[in-house]
Amino acid sequence: MTDIEKTAGGQGTPPAGPEAIRAIPVRHYGRYVSAVVAIAILVAIINAFSQGKINWHAVPEYFFDHRIMTGVSKTLLLTVLSMLIGIVGGVVLAVMRLSKNPVTSSIAWFYIWFFRGTPVLVQLFLWFNLGLVFEYINLMPFYKDYWSNFMTPLLTALLGLGLNEAAYMAEICRAGLLAVDEGQTEAAQALGMSHARTLRRVVIPQAMRVIVPPTGNEVINMLKTTSLVAAVQYPELFRYAQDIGQNSGAPVEMYFLAAAWYLIMTSVLSVGQYYIERYYARGSSRSLPPTPWQKVRAHLTTFSSRKVMA
């Protein structure tokens, strides 16, 4: 048998393949226009602030003042302690809400309803002025004193911020617990684990993936909410900035200084939140997204390889 090869034009060369497609990227003119508009607005805002009657030299002069640094440390301390109260209380309230006991779940529901339904500033003033209702605080043989002496500005701040935060953390924790598949609980109970141990060893570790992101937002929000305790005479960053502004004759400048410090602290907390989220997301995705530092290294590597090839 003789194989007969059919070639184009009767020649012995194989036919040419299809012509390569030349892809032309789409030009997004709207992006360039929006970028120019955004830069123009930013320049106009900067120019307006530079021309305003603000003594900008006062900001670096007092930026590391010992009173400001004391306020920063007290703000961070108040944030940590209030969040601890809020997280512990939130976990307890979430478990109570999910309890089959109607009394327990009703108490948790009423707590969340009250503290989420009233502003934090109002709660701070209520705690500070409860001496009108309770003249004395009497803990039998341990402690007895006037309410005004017992309810210090620090205790008022912790109760006002921490107990209010517990109501929000309760809903966050409840959502995280409900996100865990019921089969996990059933499997743990089939192995003979108690309800408390099932929560501690099986449910809560898996719920952390859902709980951590909103909890990080609550920490950042708590850091900013601490400025409200200046109303109950607790000296933190905002209160110290106010005092310095009144004494130095530069109140607006000190507000900008306080805003700069709040931005620094929230930025640091945001970085910490990012890496904690990555830690708890390890079991939920096959490959974690690259960190900002990994993206920078990848771009630097690509740029150096192109330079070598050139």
Foldseek 3Di string as FASTA:
>chain_A
DDDDDDDPPPDPDHDDDDDDDDDDDDDDVVVVVVVVVVVVVVVVVVVVVVPDPADLVVLVVCLVPVLLVQQAVVLVVLLVLLLVLQQVLLLCLLVQCPDPPPVSNVVSVVLLCVLVVDDLLVQLVCQQPCCVVVQWDDPDPPDIDGSNVVCALSNSSSCSRNSSSNSVSNVQLNVLLVVDDVVQVVVCVVVVDDPVVSCVPPRVLLSCLSNLPVSLVVSLVSSVVSLSSVVVVDRHNNVSLCVCCVVVVRNVSSVVSSVVSSVVVNVVSVVVSVVVSVVSCPVVDPDDDDDPVVVVVVVVVVVVVVVVVD
